[in-house]
Amino acid sequence: MEFGVGSVVEGKVTGITKFGAFVALPEGRSGLVHISEIAYSYVNDVKDHLKEGQQVKVKVIGIDENGRINLSIKKAMDPPPRPAGQGRPMGRPAGQSGGGFRGKSAPAEPATFEDRLKQFMASSDSKLSELRQAERRNSRRGGRK
């Protein structure tokens, strides 16, 4: 059985370290599941999630030039459902607000990086203009120079 990047295979945990777990694969090969690839949640201690001898389903996410195999347990399974209340409200397209309090509408959230950058630049220019006007007023009144 030849496997490459993207393959999902069964393996057996053979060793646990503070940075991950080694997994025995078919054909006498082995690979490493880094601590960041064990679960979708934060993993403080690998031993809280895996035990030596445990059978696991892993996805091959990389093979380096030395033949070392990088594995992922979390990418071999479906991601957990998102908790309610996170993300964009359902039923509204991105960039549209749902109105606001007492008829005032909230400003629409910029959809792209370019839109956000334009909004930032406009805000920055406005603030700089206000600061310059304040400096001019202070200099006319005999303020500090």
N, C-alpha and C. Protein backbone atom coordinates (compact mmCIF):
# COMPACT_ATOMS: atom_id res chain seq x y z
N MET A 1 0.85 -1.20 0.00
CA MET A 1 0.00 0.00 0.00
C MET A 1 0.88 1.24 0.00
N GLU A 2 0.89 1.96 -1.07
CA GLU A 2 1.66 3.20 -1.18
C GLU A 2 0.77 4.36 -0.72
N PHE A 3 1.29 5.18 0.17
CA PHE A 3 0.50 6.34 0.59
C PHE A 3 1.35 7.59 0.48
N GLY A 4 0.66 8.70 0.22
CA GLY A 4 1.33 9.98 0.08
C GLY A 4 0.56 11.05 0.82
N VAL A 5 0.91 12.29 0.59
CA VAL A 5 0.25 13.42 1.24
C VAL A 5 -1.23 13.39 0.89
N GLY A 6 -2.06 13.50 1.91
CA GLY A 6 -3.51 13.48 1.73
C GLY A 6 -4.13 12.13 2.06
N SER A 7 -3.32 11.09 2.17
CA SER A 7 -3.84 9.76 2.50
C SER A 7 -4.29 9.70 3.95
N VAL A 8 -5.39 8.99 4.18
CA VAL A 8 -5.87 8.76 5.54
C VAL A 8 -5.67 7.27 5.83
N VAL A 9 -4.92 6.97 6.90
CA VAL A 9 -4.59 5.58 7.25
C VAL A 9 -4.78 5.34 8.74
N GLU A 10 -4.86 4.06 9.11
CA GLU A 10 -4.92 3.67 10.51
C GLU A 10 -3.51 3.45 11.01
N GLY A 11 -3.25 3.83 12.25
CA GLY A 11 -1.93 3.61 12.85
C GLY A 11 -2.06 3.35 14.33
N LYS A 12 -0.91 3.04 14.93
CA LYS A 12 -0.89 2.72 16.36
C LYS A 12 0.13 3.62 17.04
N VAL A 13 -0.30 4.29 18.13
CA VAL A 13 0.59 5.18 18.87
C VAL A 13 1.69 4.34 19.51
N THR A 14 2.95 4.65 19.17
CA THR A 14 4.08 3.88 19.71
C THR A 14 4.88 4.66 20.73
N GLY A 15 4.76 5.96 20.73
CA GLY A 15 5.52 6.77 21.68
C GLY A 15 4.89 8.14 21.85
N ILE A 16 5.01 8.67 23.06
CA ILE A 16 4.45 9.99 23.36
C ILE A 16 5.56 10.86 23.92
N THR A 17 5.67 12.08 23.37
CA THR A 17 6.63 13.06 23.86
C THR A 17 5.87 14.32 24.24
N LYS A 18 6.59 15.31 24.77
CA LYS A 18 5.90 16.56 25.13
C LYS A 18 5.50 17.36 23.90
N PHE A 19 6.07 17.06 22.72
CA PHE A 19 5.75 17.81 21.50
C PHE A 19 4.86 17.04 20.53
N GLY A 20 4.47 15.81 20.87
CA GLY A 20 3.61 15.06 19.97
C GLY A 20 3.63 13.57 20.25
N ALA A 21 3.24 12.79 19.22
CA ALA A 21 3.19 11.34 19.38
C ALA A 21 3.68 10.68 18.09
N PHE A 22 4.41 9.57 18.26
CA PHE A 22 4.86 8.79 17.13
C PHE A 22 3.83 7.70 16.85
N VAL A 23 3.55 7.50 15.57
CA VAL A 23 2.52 6.55 15.16
C VAL A 23 3.13 5.56 14.16
N ALA A 24 2.94 4.25 14.44
CA ALA A 24 3.37 3.21 13.51
C ALA A 24 2.33 3.11 12.39
N LEU A 25 2.83 3.10 11.15
CA LEU A 25 1.96 3.07 9.97
C LEU A 25 2.15 1.76 9.22
N PRO A 26 1.30 1.48 8.23
CA PRO A 26 1.48 0.28 7.41
C PRO A 26 2.86 0.28 6.74
N GLU A 27 3.29 -0.90 6.31
CA GLU A 27 4.57 -1.10 5.63
C GLU A 27 5.76 -0.82 6.53
N GLY A 28 5.58 -0.90 7.86
CA GLY A 28 6.67 -0.70 8.79
C GLY A 28 7.17 0.72 8.91
N ARG A 29 6.43 1.66 8.41
CA ARG A 29 6.82 3.07 8.47
C ARG A 29 6.23 3.70 9.72
N SER A 30 6.73 4.87 10.08
CA SER A 30 6.18 5.60 11.22
C SER A 30 6.22 7.09 10.92
N GLY A 31 5.41 7.83 11.66
CA GLY A 31 5.34 9.27 11.48
C GLY A 31 5.07 9.96 12.80
N LEU A 32 5.11 11.27 12.76
CA LEU A 32 4.90 12.08 13.96
C LEU A 32 3.64 12.92 13.83
N VAL A 33 2.82 12.89 14.88
CA VAL A 33 1.68 13.79 15.00
C VAL A 33 2.12 14.89 15.96
N HIS A 34 2.32 16.10 15.45
CA HIS A 34 2.72 17.22 16.30
C HIS A 34 1.58 17.55 17.25
N ILE A 35 1.90 18.09 18.41
CA ILE A 35 0.90 18.42 19.43
C ILE A 35 -0.20 19.32 18.88
N SER A 36 0.14 20.19 17.91
CA SER A 36 -0.86 21.10 17.34
C SER A 36 -1.81 20.39 16.38
N GLU A 37 -1.51 19.15 16.01
CA GLU A 37 -2.34 18.40 15.07
C GLU A 37 -3.12 17.27 15.75
N ILE A 38 -3.18 17.27 17.07
CA ILE A 38 -3.86 16.19 17.79
C ILE A 38 -5.36 16.44 17.90
N ALA A 39 -5.75 17.67 18.23
CA ALA A 39 -7.17 17.96 18.44
C ALA A 39 -7.47 19.39 18.02
N TYR A 40 -8.75 19.66 17.78
CA TYR A 40 -9.17 21.02 17.42
C TYR A 40 -9.11 21.95 18.63
N SER A 41 -9.17 21.39 19.82
CA SER A 41 -9.06 22.20 21.03
C SER A 41 -7.59 22.31 21.43
N TYR A 42 -7.31 23.19 22.38
CA TYR A 42 -5.94 23.37 22.86
C TYR A 42 -5.47 22.11 23.57
N VAL A 43 -4.27 21.66 23.23
CA VAL A 43 -3.70 20.46 23.86
C VAL A 43 -2.52 20.91 24.71
N ASN A 44 -2.67 20.79 26.02
CA ASN A 44 -1.60 21.15 26.94
C ASN A 44 -0.66 19.97 27.15
N ASP A 45 -1.23 18.77 27.30
CA ASP A 45 -0.46 17.56 27.51
C ASP A 45 -0.96 16.47 26.57
N VAL A 46 -0.06 15.92 25.78
CA VAL A 46 -0.42 14.89 24.79
C VAL A 46 -1.07 13.69 25.48
N LYS A 47 -0.61 13.37 26.68
CA LYS A 47 -1.13 12.20 27.40
C LYS A 47 -2.59 12.34 27.81
N ASP A 48 -3.12 13.57 27.77
CA ASP A 48 -4.54 13.77 28.06
C ASP A 48 -5.41 13.31 26.89
N HIS A 49 -4.82 13.16 25.70
CA HIS A 49 -5.58 12.83 24.49
C HIS A 49 -5.23 11.46 23.91
N LEU A 50 -3.99 11.01 24.11
CA LEU A 50 -3.54 9.76 23.50
C LEU A 50 -2.85 8.86 24.51
N LYS A 51 -2.90 7.56 24.25
CA LYS A 51 -2.22 6.55 25.08
C LYS A 51 -1.38 5.68 24.16
N GLU A 52 -0.26 5.18 24.66
CA GLU A 52 0.55 4.26 23.86
C GLU A 52 -0.26 3.01 23.57
N GLY A 53 -0.16 2.52 22.34
CA GLY A 53 -0.91 1.34 21.93
C GLY A 53 -2.28 1.65 21.35
N GLN A 54 -2.72 2.90 21.44
CA GLN A 54 -4.03 3.30 20.94
C GLN A 54 -4.04 3.32 19.41
N GLN A 55 -5.11 2.80 18.82
CA GLN A 55 -5.30 2.85 17.37
C GLN A 55 -5.87 4.22 17.02
N VAL A 56 -5.30 4.87 16.02
CA VAL A 56 -5.77 6.19 15.61
C VAL A 56 -5.85 6.27 14.09
N LYS A 57 -6.76 7.10 13.62
CA LYS A 57 -6.86 7.40 12.20
C LYS A 57 -6.10 8.70 11.99
N VAL A 58 -5.16 8.70 11.04
CA VAL A 58 -4.32 9.87 10.79
C VAL A 58 -4.32 10.22 9.31
N LYS A 59 -4.06 11.48 9.05
CA LYS A 59 -3.93 11.95 7.67
C LYS A 59 -2.48 12.36 7.45
N VAL A 60 -1.90 11.95 6.34
CA VAL A 60 -0.53 12.33 6.00
C VAL A 60 -0.58 13.77 5.48
N ILE A 61 0.08 14.69 6.20
CA ILE A 61 0.04 16.10 5.80
C ILE A 61 1.37 16.56 5.22
N GLY A 62 2.38 15.70 5.30
CA GLY A 62 3.65 16.09 4.71
C GLY A 62 4.67 14.98 4.80
N ILE A 63 5.56 14.94 3.81
CA ILE A 63 6.70 14.04 3.83
C ILE A 63 7.89 14.88 3.39
N ASP A 64 8.88 15.02 4.29
CA ASP A 64 10.01 15.89 3.95
C ASP A 64 11.06 15.16 3.12
N GLU A 65 12.11 15.88 2.75
CA GLU A 65 13.14 15.32 1.86
C GLU A 65 13.90 14.16 2.51
N ASN A 66 13.85 14.05 3.83
CA ASN A 66 14.51 12.94 4.52
C ASN A 66 13.58 11.75 4.71
N GLY A 67 12.36 11.85 4.19
CA GLY A 67 11.40 10.76 4.30
C GLY A 67 10.60 10.74 5.59
N ARG A 68 10.74 11.77 6.41
CA ARG A 68 9.96 11.83 7.66
C ARG A 68 8.52 12.20 7.33
N ILE A 69 7.60 11.52 7.99
CA ILE A 69 6.18 11.67 7.68
C ILE A 69 5.51 12.49 8.78
N ASN A 70 4.87 13.58 8.38
CA ASN A 70 4.11 14.42 9.31
C ASN A 70 2.64 14.03 9.21
N LEU A 71 2.03 13.81 10.37
CA LEU A 71 0.66 13.32 10.43
C LEU A 71 -0.24 14.28 11.19
N SER A 72 -1.56 14.14 10.96
CA SER A 72 -2.55 14.92 11.68
C SER A 72 -3.72 14.03 12.05
N ILE A 73 -4.10 14.06 13.31
CA ILE A 73 -5.29 13.34 13.75
C ILE A 73 -6.52 14.21 13.49
N LYS A 74 -6.40 15.52 13.78
CA LYS A 74 -7.57 16.38 13.65
C LYS A 74 -8.01 16.56 12.21
N LYS A 75 -7.08 16.51 11.25
CA LYS A 75 -7.46 16.67 9.85
C LYS A 75 -8.05 15.38 9.27
N ALA A 76 -7.92 14.28 10.02
CA ALA A 76 -8.50 13.01 9.58
C ALA A 76 -9.96 12.88 10.02
N MET A 77 -10.44 13.86 10.79
CA MET A 77 -11.83 13.83 11.26
C MET A 77 -12.52 15.14 10.88
N ASP A 78 -13.83 15.14 10.98
CA ASP A 78 -14.60 16.36 10.70
C ASP A 78 -14.40 17.36 11.82
N PRO A 79 -14.36 18.68 11.50
CA PRO A 79 -14.23 19.67 12.56
C PRO A 79 -15.49 19.69 13.42
N PRO A 80 -15.33 20.07 14.70
CA PRO A 80 -16.51 20.13 15.57
C PRO A 80 -17.44 21.25 15.12
N PRO A 81 -18.74 21.14 15.42
CA PRO A 81 -19.67 22.21 15.04
C PRO A 81 -19.33 23.48 15.81
N ARG A 82 -19.57 24.63 15.16
CA ARG A 82 -19.30 25.91 15.81
C ARG A 82 -20.38 26.19 16.84
N PRO A 83 -20.01 26.71 18.00
CA PRO A 83 -21.02 27.06 18.99
C PRO A 83 -21.96 28.14 18.46
N ALA A 84 -23.20 28.13 18.92
CA ALA A 84 -24.19 29.11 18.49
C ALA A 84 -23.72 30.50 18.89
N GLY A 85 -24.01 31.48 18.04
CA GLY A 85 -23.66 32.86 18.35
C GLY A 85 -22.32 33.29 17.81
N GLN A 86 -21.58 32.40 17.18
CA GLN A 86 -20.31 32.79 16.60
C GLN A 86 -20.44 32.93 15.11
N GLY A 87 -19.65 33.80 14.55
CA GLY A 87 -19.68 33.98 13.11
C GLY A 87 -20.75 34.98 12.70
N ARG A 88 -21.00 35.04 11.40
CA ARG A 88 -21.96 35.98 10.84
C ARG A 88 -23.37 35.48 11.08
N PRO A 89 -24.32 36.37 11.37
CA PRO A 89 -25.71 35.95 11.56
C PRO A 89 -26.24 35.29 10.30
N MET A 90 -27.01 34.25 10.46
CA MET A 90 -27.56 33.54 9.32
C MET A 90 -28.65 34.38 8.66
N GLY A 91 -28.78 34.26 7.37
CA GLY A 91 -29.85 34.95 6.66
C GLY A 91 -29.46 36.30 6.10
N ARG A 92 -28.26 36.81 6.45
CA ARG A 92 -27.81 38.09 5.93
C ARG A 92 -26.52 37.90 5.17
N PRO A 93 -26.42 38.45 3.99
CA PRO A 93 -25.16 38.37 3.24
C PRO A 93 -24.06 39.14 3.96
N ALA A 94 -22.82 38.78 3.69
CA ALA A 94 -21.69 39.48 4.29
C ALA A 94 -21.72 40.95 3.89
N GLY A 95 -21.36 41.82 4.84
CA GLY A 95 -21.27 43.24 4.54
C GLY A 95 -22.57 43.99 4.75
N GLN A 96 -23.67 43.31 5.09
CA GLN A 96 -24.93 44.00 5.35
C GLN A 96 -25.23 43.93 6.84
N SER A 97 -25.61 45.07 7.38
CA SER A 97 -25.96 45.07 8.80
C SER A 97 -27.44 44.79 8.94
N GLY A 98 -27.83 44.43 10.15
CA GLY A 98 -29.22 44.11 10.38
C GLY A 98 -30.00 45.24 10.99
N GLY A 99 -29.54 46.47 10.79
CA GLY A 99 -30.23 47.60 11.41
C GLY A 99 -29.62 47.85 12.77
N GLY A 100 -30.20 48.72 13.51
CA GLY A 100 -29.62 49.04 14.80
C GLY A 100 -30.68 49.45 15.79
N PHE A 101 -30.24 50.03 16.88
CA PHE A 101 -31.12 50.46 17.94
C PHE A 101 -31.80 51.76 17.56
N ARG A 102 -33.11 51.84 17.74
CA ARG A 102 -33.91 53.05 17.47
C ARG A 102 -33.74 53.57 16.05
N GLY A 103 -33.70 52.67 15.08
CA GLY A 103 -33.69 53.08 13.69
C GLY A 103 -32.32 53.46 13.14
N LYS A 104 -31.31 53.57 14.00
CA LYS A 104 -29.97 53.88 13.50
C LYS A 104 -29.35 52.59 13.00
N SER A 105 -28.77 52.66 11.81
CA SER A 105 -28.14 51.45 11.30
C SER A 105 -26.67 51.46 11.65
N ALA A 106 -26.15 50.28 11.99
CA ALA A 106 -24.74 50.13 12.31
C ALA A 106 -23.96 50.18 11.01
N PRO A 107 -22.73 50.69 11.05
CA PRO A 107 -21.95 50.72 9.83
C PRO A 107 -21.67 49.29 9.35
N ALA A 108 -21.70 49.12 8.04
CA ALA A 108 -21.47 47.80 7.47
C ALA A 108 -20.01 47.39 7.68
N GLU A 109 -19.79 46.15 7.99
CA GLU A 109 -18.45 45.61 8.18
C GLU A 109 -17.80 45.48 6.81
N PRO A 110 -16.58 46.03 6.61
CA PRO A 110 -15.92 45.88 5.32
C PRO A 110 -15.70 44.41 4.98
N ALA A 111 -15.93 44.06 3.73
CA ALA A 111 -15.88 42.67 3.34
C ALA A 111 -14.47 42.21 2.99
N THR A 112 -13.66 43.06 2.39
CA THR A 112 -12.34 42.63 1.94
C THR A 112 -11.26 43.44 2.63
N PHE A 113 -10.04 42.95 2.48
CA PHE A 113 -8.90 43.65 3.05
C PHE A 113 -8.78 45.06 2.48
N GLU A 114 -8.98 45.18 1.17
CA GLU A 114 -8.88 46.49 0.52
C GLU A 114 -9.90 47.46 1.10
N ASP A 115 -11.14 46.97 1.34
CA ASP A 115 -12.17 47.83 1.93
C ASP A 115 -11.77 48.26 3.34
N ARG A 116 -11.22 47.33 4.09
CA ARG A 116 -10.78 47.67 5.46
C ARG A 116 -9.65 48.68 5.42
N LEU A 117 -8.72 48.49 4.48
CA LEU A 117 -7.60 49.42 4.36
C LEU A 117 -8.09 50.81 3.99
N LYS A 118 -9.03 50.91 3.04
CA LYS A 118 -9.60 52.21 2.65
C LYS A 118 -10.27 52.88 3.84
N GLN A 119 -11.03 52.07 4.62
CA GLN A 119 -11.72 52.62 5.79
C GLN A 119 -10.70 53.14 6.81
N PHE A 120 -9.62 52.39 7.03
CA PHE A 120 -8.59 52.80 7.97
C PHE A 120 -7.91 54.09 7.51
N MET A 121 -7.57 54.15 6.22
CA MET A 121 -6.90 55.33 5.69
C MET A 121 -7.80 56.56 5.80
N ALA A 122 -9.08 56.42 5.51
CA ALA A 122 -10.01 57.54 5.63
C ALA A 122 -10.10 58.01 7.07
N SER A 123 -10.18 57.08 7.99
CA SER A 123 -10.26 57.41 9.41
C SER A 123 -8.97 58.10 9.86
N SER A 124 -7.84 57.58 9.42
CA SER A 124 -6.55 58.15 9.78
C SER A 124 -6.40 59.56 9.24
N ASP A 125 -6.77 59.77 7.97
CA ASP A 125 -6.70 61.11 7.38
C ASP A 125 -7.58 62.09 8.15
N SER A 126 -8.76 61.65 8.53
CA SER A 126 -9.69 62.51 9.27
C SER A 126 -9.08 62.92 10.62
N LYS A 127 -8.49 61.97 11.32
CA LYS A 127 -7.89 62.26 12.63
C LYS A 127 -6.70 63.21 12.49
N LEU A 128 -5.87 62.98 11.46
CA LEU A 128 -4.73 63.87 11.23
C LEU A 128 -5.19 65.29 10.92
N SER A 129 -6.25 65.41 10.12
CA SER A 129 -6.79 66.71 9.78
C SER A 129 -7.28 67.43 11.04
N GLU A 130 -7.96 66.72 11.91
CA GLU A 130 -8.46 67.32 13.16
C GLU A 130 -7.29 67.78 14.03
N LEU A 131 -6.22 66.99 14.11
CA LEU A 131 -5.06 67.37 14.91
C LEU A 131 -4.39 68.62 14.36
N ARG A 132 -4.27 68.70 13.04
CA ARG A 132 -3.65 69.87 12.41
C ARG A 132 -4.48 71.13 12.67
N GLN A 133 -5.81 71.01 12.58
CA GLN A 133 -6.67 72.15 12.84
C GLN A 133 -6.52 72.61 14.29
N ALA A 134 -6.44 71.66 15.21
CA ALA A 134 -6.28 72.01 16.63
C ALA A 134 -4.94 72.71 16.85
N GLU A 135 -3.89 72.26 16.18
CA GLU A 135 -2.58 72.91 16.32
C GLU A 135 -2.63 74.34 15.79
N ARG A 136 -3.31 74.53 14.65
CA ARG A 136 -3.42 75.89 14.09
C ARG A 136 -4.17 76.81 15.04
N ARG A 137 -5.25 76.31 15.64
CA ARG A 137 -6.02 77.13 16.60
C ARG A 137 -5.17 77.51 17.80
N ASN A 138 -4.39 76.57 18.30
CA ASN A 138 -3.54 76.86 19.46
C ASN A 138 -2.45 77.86 19.12
N SER A 139 -1.88 77.77 17.91
CA SER A 139 -0.80 78.71 17.53
C SER A 139 -1.35 80.12 17.35
N ARG A 140 -2.60 80.29 16.88
CA ARG A 140 -3.21 81.61 16.71
C ARG A 140 -3.52 82.25 18.06
N ARG A 141 -3.79 81.44 19.06
CA ARG A 141 -4.16 81.95 20.38
C ARG A 141 -2.93 82.21 21.23
N GLY A 142 -1.77 82.02 20.68
CA GLY A 142 -0.56 82.25 21.46
C GLY A 142 -0.21 81.03 22.27
N GLY A 143 -0.67 79.89 21.83
CA GLY A 143 -0.34 78.65 22.54
C GLY A 143 1.10 78.25 22.35
N ARG A 144 1.43 77.12 22.80
CA ARG A 144 2.81 76.66 22.70
C ARG A 144 3.21 76.40 21.23
N LYS A 145 4.51 76.54 20.99
CA LYS A 145 5.01 76.34 19.64
C LYS A 145 6.01 75.23 19.61
